[in-house]
């Protein structure tokens, strides 16, 4: 019953969100295009349910500026003021509702990470792939950018073990509260997991 309710909520919520905020999608795309961010949609392969690859969608927040050798400039030089704003306000996550509608993701679940990380997980952390990845999750409302990789993966495993309909509603509510106050904004798509999860010096915020 839980899986049925979760999928039903995903479909209804994502459809409503896309229809209501369609004008916002268009405005963001136009602003990004005319501020030099092209393409306006960022795509990347991520690990989904059971570790299966899927393509995630986000609004792009950086230009493709390159140096004289054709190499991309550092992120901080390519991140525009508009890009910083859509990240801080979480507007860059909006296209992921299409992932939810397709069934690649859910509203609530562990954040989808790179395929390269699949062989880095402990058996406990690998359980994060026993459910669909989400736009938001227990780790995101439990500290978000303030958590270490080890803590985030521990919380993901905890969510998979405890997940239920009412926990999902609590996470959705807390996420909405965080977005309103723009709390613990982060640069998720470029985070790198360290080879040694206990080496905090190598960790980047997710």
N, C-alpha and C. Protein backbone atom coordinates (compact mmCIF):
# COMPACT_ATOMS: atom_id res chain seq x y z
N UNK A 1 0.82 -1.20 0.00
CA UNK A 1 0.00 0.00 0.00
C UNK A 1 0.86 1.26 0.00
N UNK A 2 1.96 1.23 0.79
CA UNK A 2 2.83 2.41 0.87
C UNK A 2 3.39 2.76 -0.51
N UNK A 3 3.89 1.77 -1.24
CA UNK A 3 4.47 2.03 -2.56
C UNK A 3 3.43 2.62 -3.51
N UNK A 4 2.19 2.11 -3.43
CA UNK A 4 1.11 2.62 -4.27
C UNK A 4 0.82 4.08 -3.94
N UNK A 5 0.69 4.39 -2.64
CA UNK A 5 0.41 5.76 -2.22
C UNK A 5 1.56 6.70 -2.59
N UNK A 6 2.78 6.20 -2.45
CA UNK A 6 3.95 7.03 -2.76
C UNK A 6 3.98 7.39 -4.24
N UNK A 7 3.72 6.39 -5.10
CA UNK A 7 3.74 6.66 -6.54
C UNK A 7 2.57 7.56 -6.93
N UNK A 8 1.40 7.34 -6.33
CA UNK A 8 0.24 8.17 -6.62
C UNK A 8 0.52 9.62 -6.24
N UNK A 9 1.12 9.82 -5.07
CA UNK A 9 1.46 11.17 -4.63
C UNK A 9 2.48 11.79 -5.57
N UNK A 10 3.46 11.01 -6.00
CA UNK A 10 4.49 11.51 -6.92
C UNK A 10 3.86 12.02 -8.21
N UNK A 11 2.95 11.24 -8.77
CA UNK A 11 2.31 11.62 -10.04
C UNK A 11 1.46 12.87 -9.87
N UNK A 12 0.61 12.87 -8.84
CA UNK A 12 -0.29 14.01 -8.62
C UNK A 12 0.50 15.27 -8.30
N UNK A 13 1.45 15.16 -7.39
CA UNK A 13 2.22 16.32 -6.96
C UNK A 13 3.06 16.89 -8.10
N UNK A 14 3.74 16.02 -8.86
CA UNK A 14 4.60 16.51 -9.93
C UNK A 14 3.78 17.13 -11.05
N UNK A 15 2.63 16.54 -11.39
CA UNK A 15 1.76 17.12 -12.42
C UNK A 15 1.27 18.50 -12.01
N UNK A 16 0.80 18.61 -10.77
CA UNK A 16 0.32 19.89 -10.27
C UNK A 16 1.44 20.92 -10.26
N UNK A 17 2.60 20.52 -9.80
CA UNK A 17 3.74 21.44 -9.71
C UNK A 17 4.13 21.95 -11.09
N UNK A 18 4.23 21.04 -12.05
CA UNK A 18 4.64 21.42 -13.41
C UNK A 18 3.62 22.36 -14.04
N UNK A 19 2.34 22.06 -13.85
CA UNK A 19 1.30 22.91 -14.45
C UNK A 19 1.25 24.29 -13.80
N UNK A 20 1.34 24.32 -12.47
CA UNK A 20 1.26 25.60 -11.76
C UNK A 20 2.47 26.48 -12.03
N UNK A 21 3.65 25.86 -12.08
CA UNK A 21 4.88 26.64 -12.21
C UNK A 21 5.44 26.66 -13.63
N UNK A 22 4.64 26.25 -14.61
CA UNK A 22 5.09 26.28 -16.01
C UNK A 22 5.61 27.66 -16.42
N UNK A 23 4.89 28.76 -16.05
CA UNK A 23 5.41 30.09 -16.42
C UNK A 23 6.77 30.38 -15.79
N UNK A 24 6.99 29.88 -14.57
CA UNK A 24 8.27 30.08 -13.89
C UNK A 24 9.37 29.33 -14.63
N UNK A 25 9.07 28.10 -15.08
CA UNK A 25 10.04 27.33 -15.87
C UNK A 25 10.49 28.14 -17.08
N UNK A 26 9.52 28.71 -17.79
CA UNK A 26 9.82 29.46 -19.01
C UNK A 26 10.65 30.70 -18.70
N UNK A 27 10.28 31.42 -17.65
CA UNK A 27 11.01 32.64 -17.28
C UNK A 27 12.45 32.32 -16.92
N UNK A 28 12.64 31.27 -16.11
CA UNK A 28 14.00 30.88 -15.71
C UNK A 28 14.83 30.51 -16.94
N UNK A 29 14.24 29.75 -17.86
CA UNK A 29 14.96 29.34 -19.06
C UNK A 29 15.38 30.54 -19.90
N UNK A 30 14.48 31.51 -20.04
CA UNK A 30 14.78 32.71 -20.83
C UNK A 30 15.89 33.52 -20.18
N UNK A 31 15.79 33.71 -18.86
CA UNK A 31 16.81 34.48 -18.13
C UNK A 31 18.17 33.81 -18.24
N UNK A 32 18.21 32.51 -18.07
CA UNK A 32 19.48 31.78 -18.17
C UNK A 32 20.08 31.93 -19.56
N UNK A 33 19.24 31.78 -20.57
CA UNK A 33 19.71 31.86 -21.96
C UNK A 33 20.34 33.22 -22.25
N UNK A 34 19.68 34.28 -21.81
CA UNK A 34 20.17 35.62 -22.13
C UNK A 34 21.25 36.12 -21.16
N UNK A 35 21.60 35.31 -20.17
CA UNK A 35 22.74 35.65 -19.30
C UNK A 35 23.93 34.75 -19.60
N UNK A 36 23.87 34.07 -20.75
CA UNK A 36 25.03 33.31 -21.22
C UNK A 36 25.09 31.87 -20.79
N UNK A 37 24.04 31.35 -20.17
CA UNK A 37 24.04 29.95 -19.74
C UNK A 37 23.29 29.12 -20.78
N UNK A 38 24.04 28.38 -21.57
CA UNK A 38 23.48 27.57 -22.65
C UNK A 38 24.25 26.26 -22.75
N UNK A 39 23.54 25.13 -22.78
CA UNK A 39 22.09 24.98 -22.71
C UNK A 39 21.56 25.32 -21.32
N UNK A 40 20.29 25.58 -21.23
CA UNK A 40 19.71 25.98 -19.95
C UNK A 40 19.42 24.78 -19.06
N UNK A 41 19.34 23.59 -19.64
CA UNK A 41 19.09 22.38 -18.87
C UNK A 41 20.37 21.57 -18.73
N UNK A 42 20.74 21.26 -17.51
CA UNK A 42 21.90 20.44 -17.20
C UNK A 42 21.43 18.99 -17.08
N UNK A 43 22.10 18.08 -17.78
CA UNK A 43 21.77 16.66 -17.68
C UNK A 43 23.00 15.88 -17.23
N UNK A 44 22.75 14.84 -16.48
CA UNK A 44 23.86 14.01 -16.00
C UNK A 44 23.33 12.62 -15.66
N UNK A 45 24.16 11.61 -15.88
CA UNK A 45 23.76 10.25 -15.54
C UNK A 45 23.94 10.01 -14.06
N UNK A 46 22.90 9.54 -13.40
CA UNK A 46 22.93 9.24 -11.97
C UNK A 46 22.44 7.81 -11.73
N UNK A 47 22.71 7.31 -10.54
CA UNK A 47 22.28 5.96 -10.15
C UNK A 47 20.90 6.03 -9.51
N UNK A 48 19.98 5.25 -10.03
CA UNK A 48 18.62 5.24 -9.51
C UNK A 48 18.30 3.97 -8.75
N UNK A 49 17.04 3.55 -8.81
CA UNK A 49 16.59 2.34 -8.12
C UNK A 49 17.41 1.14 -8.56
N UNK A 50 17.90 0.39 -7.57
CA UNK A 50 18.74 -0.79 -7.82
C UNK A 50 20.03 -0.45 -8.56
N UNK A 51 20.45 0.82 -8.50
CA UNK A 51 21.69 1.24 -9.14
C UNK A 51 21.58 1.44 -10.63
N UNK A 52 20.36 1.39 -11.17
CA UNK A 52 20.17 1.55 -12.60
C UNK A 52 20.38 3.01 -13.01
N UNK A 53 21.08 3.22 -14.12
CA UNK A 53 21.39 4.57 -14.58
C UNK A 53 20.15 5.27 -15.14
N UNK A 54 20.06 6.57 -14.89
CA UNK A 54 19.03 7.39 -15.50
C UNK A 54 19.59 8.80 -15.67
N UNK A 55 18.93 9.61 -16.48
CA UNK A 55 19.39 10.97 -16.73
C UNK A 55 18.61 11.96 -15.86
N UNK A 56 19.33 12.70 -15.05
CA UNK A 56 18.69 13.68 -14.18
C UNK A 56 18.68 15.04 -14.89
N UNK A 57 17.63 15.83 -14.62
CA UNK A 57 17.49 17.15 -15.23
C UNK A 57 17.57 18.23 -14.16
N UNK A 58 18.30 19.29 -14.47
CA UNK A 58 18.36 20.47 -13.59
C UNK A 58 18.53 21.70 -14.47
N UNK A 59 18.16 22.86 -13.93
CA UNK A 59 18.51 24.09 -14.63
C UNK A 59 20.00 24.31 -14.45
N UNK A 60 20.69 24.62 -15.54
CA UNK A 60 22.12 24.86 -15.48
C UNK A 60 22.40 26.20 -14.80
N UNK A 61 23.44 26.25 -14.00
CA UNK A 61 23.75 27.48 -13.27
C UNK A 61 25.11 28.06 -13.64
N UNK A 62 25.82 27.42 -14.58
CA UNK A 62 27.15 27.88 -14.96
C UNK A 62 27.27 28.00 -16.48
N UNK A 63 28.11 28.89 -16.91
CA UNK A 63 28.40 29.03 -18.34
C UNK A 63 29.39 27.94 -18.76
N UNK A 64 29.67 27.86 -20.04
CA UNK A 64 30.65 26.90 -20.55
C UNK A 64 31.96 27.61 -20.92
N UNK A 65 32.26 28.68 -20.19
CA UNK A 65 33.47 29.46 -20.47
C UNK A 65 34.73 28.58 -20.35
N UNK A 66 35.63 28.75 -21.30
CA UNK A 66 36.86 27.94 -21.32
C UNK A 66 38.09 28.82 -21.43
N UNK A 67 39.25 28.26 -21.08
CA UNK A 67 40.49 29.00 -21.19
C UNK A 67 41.04 28.89 -22.60
N UNK A 68 42.23 29.43 -22.82
CA UNK A 68 42.81 29.44 -24.17
C UNK A 68 43.13 28.05 -24.70
N UNK A 69 43.19 27.06 -23.79
CA UNK A 69 43.47 25.69 -24.20
C UNK A 69 42.21 24.86 -24.41
N UNK A 70 41.07 25.52 -24.23
CA UNK A 70 39.80 24.82 -24.43
C UNK A 70 39.29 24.09 -23.21
N UNK A 71 39.95 24.28 -22.07
CA UNK A 71 39.51 23.64 -20.83
C UNK A 71 38.50 24.51 -20.10
N UNK A 72 37.51 23.88 -19.49
CA UNK A 72 36.52 24.64 -18.73
C UNK A 72 37.18 25.39 -17.59
N UNK A 73 36.77 26.63 -17.38
CA UNK A 73 37.28 27.41 -16.26
C UNK A 73 36.77 26.83 -14.95
N UNK A 74 37.40 27.15 -13.81
CA UNK A 74 36.92 26.67 -12.51
C UNK A 74 35.45 27.05 -12.27
N UNK A 75 34.76 26.22 -11.51
CA UNK A 75 33.33 26.44 -11.26
C UNK A 75 33.02 27.85 -10.79
N UNK A 76 33.85 28.38 -9.88
CA UNK A 76 33.55 29.69 -9.30
C UNK A 76 33.62 30.81 -10.33
N UNK A 77 34.35 30.58 -11.42
CA UNK A 77 34.44 31.58 -12.48
C UNK A 77 33.30 31.44 -13.49
N UNK A 78 32.67 30.28 -13.52
CA UNK A 78 31.58 30.04 -14.47
C UNK A 78 30.20 30.22 -13.85
N UNK A 79 30.16 30.25 -12.52
CA UNK A 79 28.89 30.41 -11.82
C UNK A 79 28.46 31.88 -11.87
N UNK A 80 27.32 32.14 -12.48
CA UNK A 80 26.84 33.51 -12.63
C UNK A 80 26.01 33.93 -11.42
N UNK A 81 25.69 35.23 -11.36
CA UNK A 81 24.84 35.72 -10.26
C UNK A 81 23.47 35.05 -10.30
N UNK A 82 22.95 34.90 -11.52
CA UNK A 82 21.65 34.22 -11.67
C UNK A 82 21.79 32.76 -11.23
N UNK A 83 22.90 32.14 -11.60
CA UNK A 83 23.14 30.76 -11.20
C UNK A 83 23.18 30.60 -9.70
N UNK A 84 23.86 31.52 -9.02
CA UNK A 84 23.93 31.47 -7.56
C UNK A 84 22.53 31.59 -6.95
N UNK A 85 21.72 32.46 -7.55
CA UNK A 85 20.37 32.68 -7.03
C UNK A 85 19.50 31.44 -7.18
N UNK A 86 19.53 30.81 -8.36
CA UNK A 86 18.65 29.65 -8.54
C UNK A 86 19.12 28.47 -7.69
N UNK A 87 20.41 28.40 -7.38
CA UNK A 87 20.89 27.35 -6.48
C UNK A 87 20.42 27.62 -5.06
N UNK A 88 20.62 28.86 -4.61
CA UNK A 88 20.26 29.22 -3.24
C UNK A 88 18.78 29.06 -2.98
N UNK A 89 17.97 29.35 -4.00
CA UNK A 89 16.51 29.26 -3.87
C UNK A 89 15.98 27.88 -4.26
N UNK A 90 16.87 26.98 -4.68
CA UNK A 90 16.52 25.62 -5.12
C UNK A 90 15.70 25.59 -6.41
N UNK A 91 15.67 26.71 -7.14
CA UNK A 91 14.94 26.74 -8.41
C UNK A 91 15.60 25.83 -9.44
N UNK A 92 16.89 25.56 -9.27
CA UNK A 92 17.58 24.70 -10.23
C UNK A 92 17.07 23.26 -10.18
N UNK A 93 16.38 22.89 -9.09
CA UNK A 93 15.87 21.54 -8.94
C UNK A 93 14.54 21.32 -9.67
N UNK A 94 13.87 22.38 -10.12
CA UNK A 94 12.53 22.27 -10.69
C UNK A 94 12.39 21.21 -11.78
N UNK A 95 13.33 21.13 -12.75
CA UNK A 95 13.16 20.14 -13.82
C UNK A 95 13.12 18.70 -13.33
N UNK A 96 13.55 18.44 -12.11
CA UNK A 96 13.54 17.07 -11.60
C UNK A 96 12.12 16.55 -11.38
N UNK A 97 11.12 17.44 -11.40
CA UNK A 97 9.75 16.97 -11.31
C UNK A 97 9.36 16.18 -12.56
N UNK A 98 10.06 16.43 -13.68
CA UNK A 98 9.85 15.61 -14.87
C UNK A 98 10.43 14.22 -14.65
N UNK A 99 11.56 14.13 -13.91
CA UNK A 99 12.11 12.83 -13.54
C UNK A 99 11.13 12.05 -12.66
N UNK A 100 10.46 12.77 -11.76
CA UNK A 100 9.48 12.13 -10.88
C UNK A 100 8.30 11.62 -11.69
N UNK A 101 7.81 12.44 -12.61
CA UNK A 101 6.67 12.06 -13.44
C UNK A 101 7.01 10.84 -14.30
N UNK A 102 8.25 10.78 -14.79
CA UNK A 102 8.68 9.63 -15.60
C UNK A 102 8.82 8.36 -14.77
N UNK A 103 9.03 8.52 -13.46
CA UNK A 103 9.21 7.37 -12.60
C UNK A 103 10.64 7.06 -12.27
N UNK A 104 11.58 7.90 -12.74
CA UNK A 104 13.00 7.71 -12.41
C UNK A 104 13.29 8.08 -10.96
N UNK A 105 12.52 9.05 -10.45
CA UNK A 105 12.74 9.55 -9.11
C UNK A 105 11.41 9.63 -8.37
N UNK A 106 11.50 9.93 -7.09
CA UNK A 106 10.34 10.18 -6.26
C UNK A 106 10.48 11.57 -5.65
N UNK A 107 9.43 12.09 -5.05
CA UNK A 107 9.55 13.36 -4.35
C UNK A 107 10.53 13.21 -3.19
N UNK A 108 10.39 12.11 -2.45
CA UNK A 108 11.23 11.86 -1.27
C UNK A 108 12.05 10.59 -1.47
N UNK A 109 13.33 10.68 -1.16
CA UNK A 109 14.22 9.54 -1.25
C UNK A 109 15.66 10.02 -1.14
N UNK A 110 16.61 9.12 -1.07
CA UNK A 110 18.02 9.54 -1.05
C UNK A 110 18.37 10.31 -2.32
N UNK A 111 19.18 11.35 -2.20
CA UNK A 111 19.56 12.12 -3.39
C UNK A 111 20.34 11.22 -4.35
N UNK A 112 20.04 11.30 -5.66
CA UNK A 112 20.74 10.46 -6.64
C UNK A 112 22.18 10.92 -6.82
N UNK A 113 23.10 9.98 -6.73
CA UNK A 113 24.52 10.29 -6.85
C UNK A 113 25.09 9.69 -8.13
N UNK A 114 26.35 9.99 -8.40
CA UNK A 114 27.00 9.55 -9.63
C UNK A 114 27.15 8.03 -9.68
N UNK A 115 27.13 7.48 -10.88
CA UNK A 115 27.32 6.04 -11.08
C UNK A 115 28.69 5.59 -10.57
N UNK A 116 29.67 6.48 -10.64
CA UNK A 116 31.03 6.15 -10.21
C UNK A 116 31.11 5.77 -8.74
N UNK A 117 30.09 6.14 -7.96
CA UNK A 117 30.14 5.89 -6.52
C UNK A 117 29.64 4.51 -6.13
N UNK A 118 29.05 3.79 -7.07
CA UNK A 118 28.41 2.52 -6.73
C UNK A 118 29.35 1.53 -6.05
N UNK A 119 30.62 1.52 -6.46
CA UNK A 119 31.55 0.56 -5.87
C UNK A 119 32.22 1.08 -4.60
N UNK A 120 31.81 2.26 -4.14
CA UNK A 120 32.38 2.84 -2.92
C UNK A 120 31.53 2.57 -1.68
N UNK A 121 30.28 2.15 -1.89
CA UNK A 121 29.39 1.99 -0.76
C UNK A 121 29.67 0.73 0.05
N UNK A 122 29.48 0.84 1.36
CA UNK A 122 29.47 -0.33 2.21
C UNK A 122 28.14 -1.04 1.98
N UNK A 123 27.98 -2.29 2.39
CA UNK A 123 26.69 -2.98 2.23
C UNK A 123 25.54 -2.18 2.84
N UNK A 124 25.79 -1.54 3.97
CA UNK A 124 24.75 -0.73 4.62
C UNK A 124 24.38 0.46 3.74
N UNK A 125 25.37 1.17 3.24
CA UNK A 125 25.10 2.37 2.43
C UNK A 125 24.51 2.01 1.07
N UNK A 126 24.82 0.83 0.57
CA UNK A 126 24.29 0.40 -0.73
C UNK A 126 22.78 0.22 -0.68
N UNK A 127 22.20 0.11 0.52
CA UNK A 127 20.75 -0.05 0.63
C UNK A 127 20.01 1.22 0.20
N UNK A 128 20.73 2.33 0.05
CA UNK A 128 20.09 3.57 -0.42
C UNK A 128 19.48 3.38 -1.81
N UNK A 129 19.95 2.37 -2.53
CA UNK A 129 19.42 2.10 -3.87
C UNK A 129 18.27 1.09 -3.86
N UNK A 130 17.79 0.74 -2.66
CA UNK A 130 16.63 -0.14 -2.57
C UNK A 130 15.32 0.61 -2.74
N UNK A 131 15.42 1.92 -2.89
CA UNK A 131 14.26 2.75 -3.16
C UNK A 131 14.62 3.79 -4.20
N UNK A 132 13.63 4.43 -4.80
CA UNK A 132 13.93 5.44 -5.81
C UNK A 132 14.61 6.65 -5.17
N UNK A 133 15.52 7.29 -5.89
CA UNK A 133 16.13 8.52 -5.38
C UNK A 133 15.07 9.62 -5.36
N UNK A 134 15.31 10.66 -4.56
CA UNK A 134 14.32 11.72 -4.43
C UNK A 134 14.85 13.11 -4.68
N UNK A 135 13.91 14.03 -4.89
CA UNK A 135 14.27 15.45 -5.01
C UNK A 135 14.75 15.95 -3.65
N UNK A 136 14.12 15.45 -2.60
CA UNK A 136 14.54 15.77 -1.24
C UNK A 136 14.56 14.48 -0.44
N UNK A 137 15.18 14.52 0.73
CA UNK A 137 15.28 13.32 1.53
C UNK A 137 15.55 13.62 2.99
N UNK A 138 15.64 12.56 3.77
CA UNK A 138 15.85 12.72 5.20
C UNK A 138 17.18 13.43 5.49
N UNK A 139 18.22 13.12 4.72
CA UNK A 139 19.51 13.78 4.93
C UNK A 139 19.43 15.27 4.67
N UNK A 140 18.62 15.67 3.67
CA UNK A 140 18.52 17.09 3.30
C UNK A 140 17.82 17.91 4.38
N UNK A 141 16.96 17.29 5.18
CA UNK A 141 16.28 18.03 6.25
C UNK A 141 16.92 17.75 7.60
N UNK A 142 18.06 17.05 7.58
CA UNK A 142 18.75 16.72 8.83
C UNK A 142 20.10 17.42 8.94
N UNK A 143 20.32 18.41 8.09
CA UNK A 143 21.60 19.11 8.14
C UNK A 143 22.11 19.53 6.79
N UNK A 144 21.72 18.79 5.74
CA UNK A 144 22.04 19.12 4.35
C UNK A 144 23.53 19.36 4.16
N UNK A 145 23.95 20.59 3.90
CA UNK A 145 25.35 20.88 3.61
C UNK A 145 26.26 20.80 4.82
N UNK A 146 25.69 20.69 6.04
CA UNK A 146 26.51 20.63 7.24
C UNK A 146 26.94 19.21 7.57
N UNK A 147 26.44 18.22 6.85
CA UNK A 147 26.73 16.83 7.15
C UNK A 147 27.93 16.33 6.35
N UNK A 148 28.67 15.39 6.94
CA UNK A 148 29.75 14.73 6.21
C UNK A 148 29.14 13.69 5.28
N UNK A 149 29.94 13.19 4.34
CA UNK A 149 29.45 12.14 3.45
C UNK A 149 29.01 10.92 4.26
N UNK A 150 29.80 10.54 5.27
CA UNK A 150 29.46 9.38 6.09
C UNK A 150 28.10 9.56 6.75
N UNK A 151 27.86 10.75 7.30
CA UNK A 151 26.59 11.03 7.96
C UNK A 151 25.43 11.00 6.98
N UNK A 152 25.63 11.58 5.79
CA UNK A 152 24.56 11.58 4.79
C UNK A 152 24.18 10.17 4.37
N UNK A 153 25.18 9.33 4.12
CA UNK A 153 24.91 7.97 3.69
C UNK A 153 24.28 7.15 4.80
N UNK A 154 24.68 7.40 6.05
CA UNK A 154 24.05 6.73 7.19
C UNK A 154 22.58 7.09 7.28
N UNK A 155 22.27 8.37 7.07
CA UNK A 155 20.88 8.83 7.14
C UNK A 155 20.07 8.27 5.98
N UNK A 156 20.67 8.18 4.79
CA UNK A 156 19.99 7.58 3.65
C UNK A 156 19.59 6.14 3.97
N UNK A 157 20.52 5.39 4.57
CA UNK A 157 20.23 4.00 4.93
C UNK A 157 19.14 3.94 6.00
N UNK A 158 19.16 4.90 6.92
CA UNK A 158 18.13 4.96 7.96
C UNK A 158 16.76 5.21 7.34
N UNK A 159 16.70 6.11 6.33
CA UNK A 159 15.43 6.40 5.68
C UNK A 159 14.87 5.15 5.00
N UNK A 160 15.72 4.42 4.28
CA UNK A 160 15.26 3.23 3.58
C UNK A 160 14.68 2.23 4.56
N UNK A 161 15.28 2.13 5.72
CA UNK A 161 14.81 1.18 6.73
C UNK A 161 13.49 1.63 7.37
N UNK A 162 13.31 2.96 7.57
CA UNK A 162 12.16 3.47 8.29
C UNK A 162 11.06 4.04 7.39
N UNK A 163 11.28 4.14 6.10
CA UNK A 163 10.37 4.88 5.23
C UNK A 163 8.92 4.46 5.38
N UNK A 164 8.07 5.47 5.42
CA UNK A 164 6.63 5.27 5.47
C UNK A 164 5.96 6.55 4.98
N UNK A 165 4.68 6.51 4.75
CA UNK A 165 3.95 7.63 4.16
C UNK A 165 4.06 8.88 5.01
N UNK A 166 3.91 8.75 6.32
CA UNK A 166 3.91 9.93 7.20
C UNK A 166 5.30 10.52 7.35
N UNK A 167 6.32 9.70 7.30
CA UNK A 167 7.69 10.22 7.31
C UNK A 167 7.94 11.05 6.06
N UNK A 168 7.43 10.58 4.92
CA UNK A 168 7.58 11.33 3.68
C UNK A 168 6.91 12.69 3.77
N UNK A 169 5.71 12.75 4.38
CA UNK A 169 4.99 14.03 4.51
C UNK A 169 5.77 14.99 5.40
N UNK A 170 6.38 14.46 6.44
CA UNK A 170 7.19 15.29 7.34
C UNK A 170 8.39 15.87 6.59
N UNK A 171 9.04 15.04 5.78
CA UNK A 171 10.22 15.49 5.02
C UNK A 171 9.82 16.55 4.00
N UNK A 172 8.68 16.37 3.34
CA UNK A 172 8.20 17.36 2.38
C UNK A 172 7.93 18.69 3.07
N UNK A 173 7.30 18.65 4.23
CA UNK A 173 7.01 19.87 4.98
C UNK A 173 8.29 20.59 5.40
N UNK A 174 9.25 19.82 5.94
CA UNK A 174 10.51 20.43 6.39
C UNK A 174 11.31 20.98 5.21
N UNK A 175 11.22 20.32 4.06
CA UNK A 175 11.91 20.81 2.87
C UNK A 175 11.34 22.15 2.42
N UNK A 176 10.00 22.24 2.41
CA UNK A 176 9.35 23.49 2.03
C UNK A 176 9.77 24.61 2.97
N UNK A 177 9.90 24.30 4.25
CA UNK A 177 10.31 25.29 5.25
C UNK A 177 11.74 25.74 4.98
N UNK A 178 12.61 24.80 4.63
CA UNK A 178 14.00 25.14 4.33
C UNK A 178 14.10 26.04 3.11
N UNK A 179 13.32 25.73 2.07
CA UNK A 179 13.37 26.52 0.84
C UNK A 179 12.94 27.95 1.12
N UNK A 180 11.91 28.12 1.96
CA UNK A 180 11.40 29.45 2.27
C UNK A 180 12.48 30.31 2.92
N UNK A 181 13.28 29.71 3.79
CA UNK A 181 14.32 30.48 4.48
C UNK A 181 15.68 30.33 3.82
N UNK A 182 15.72 29.59 2.67
CA UNK A 182 16.98 29.37 1.91
C UNK A 182 18.08 28.88 2.81
N UNK A 183 17.77 27.88 3.62
CA UNK A 183 18.71 27.36 4.62
C UNK A 183 19.61 26.27 4.04
N UNK A 184 20.90 26.33 4.39
CA UNK A 184 21.88 25.31 4.02
C UNK A 184 21.91 25.02 2.53
N UNK A 185 21.85 26.07 1.72
CA UNK A 185 21.93 25.87 0.28
C UNK A 185 23.27 25.25 -0.07
N UNK A 186 23.29 24.48 -1.17
CA UNK A 186 24.49 23.73 -1.46
C UNK A 186 24.71 23.61 -2.96
N UNK A 187 25.91 23.17 -3.32
CA UNK A 187 26.25 22.93 -4.72
C UNK A 187 26.28 21.42 -4.90
N UNK A 188 25.12 20.85 -5.23
CA UNK A 188 24.98 19.41 -5.22
C UNK A 188 25.58 18.70 -6.41
N UNK A 189 25.39 19.23 -7.58
CA UNK A 189 25.73 18.49 -8.79
C UNK A 189 27.23 18.32 -9.02
N UNK A 190 28.06 19.10 -8.31
CA UNK A 190 29.50 19.01 -8.53
C UNK A 190 30.23 18.46 -7.30
N UNK A 191 29.47 17.91 -6.35
CA UNK A 191 30.09 17.35 -5.15
C UNK A 191 30.86 16.09 -5.52
N UNK A 192 31.98 15.86 -4.85
CA UNK A 192 32.79 14.68 -5.10
C UNK A 192 32.92 13.87 -3.81
N UNK A 193 32.64 12.60 -3.92
CA UNK A 193 32.79 11.73 -2.76
C UNK A 193 34.25 11.34 -2.60
N UNK A 194 34.82 11.46 -1.40
CA UNK A 194 36.21 11.06 -1.20
C UNK A 194 36.35 9.55 -1.24
N UNK A 195 37.53 9.05 -1.63
CA UNK A 195 37.75 7.61 -1.66
C UNK A 195 37.63 7.03 -0.26
N UNK A 196 38.11 7.81 0.72
CA UNK A 196 38.03 7.38 2.11
C UNK A 196 36.98 8.26 2.80
N UNK A 197 35.84 7.68 3.14
CA UNK A 197 34.75 8.47 3.73
C UNK A 197 35.12 9.06 5.08
N UNK A 198 36.15 8.53 5.71
CA UNK A 198 36.56 9.06 7.01
C UNK A 198 37.51 10.23 6.90
N UNK A 199 37.94 10.52 5.64
CA UNK A 199 38.86 11.63 5.42
C UNK A 199 38.07 12.90 5.15
N UNK A 200 37.77 13.65 6.19
CA UNK A 200 36.94 14.84 6.08
C UNK A 200 37.61 15.96 5.31
N UNK A 201 38.94 15.91 5.19
CA UNK A 201 39.64 16.97 4.47
C UNK A 201 39.34 16.94 2.99
N UNK A 202 38.88 15.78 2.48
CA UNK A 202 38.61 15.64 1.06
C UNK A 202 37.15 15.86 0.72
N UNK A 203 36.31 16.05 1.76
CA UNK A 203 34.88 16.13 1.50
C UNK A 203 34.46 17.47 0.96
N UNK A 204 33.49 17.44 0.05
CA UNK A 204 32.84 18.65 -0.44
C UNK A 204 31.39 18.59 0.00
N UNK A 205 30.80 19.73 0.16
CA UNK A 205 29.41 19.78 0.56
C UNK A 205 28.53 19.29 -0.59
N UNK A 206 27.47 18.59 -0.23
CA UNK A 206 26.52 18.07 -1.22
C UNK A 206 25.19 18.78 -1.10
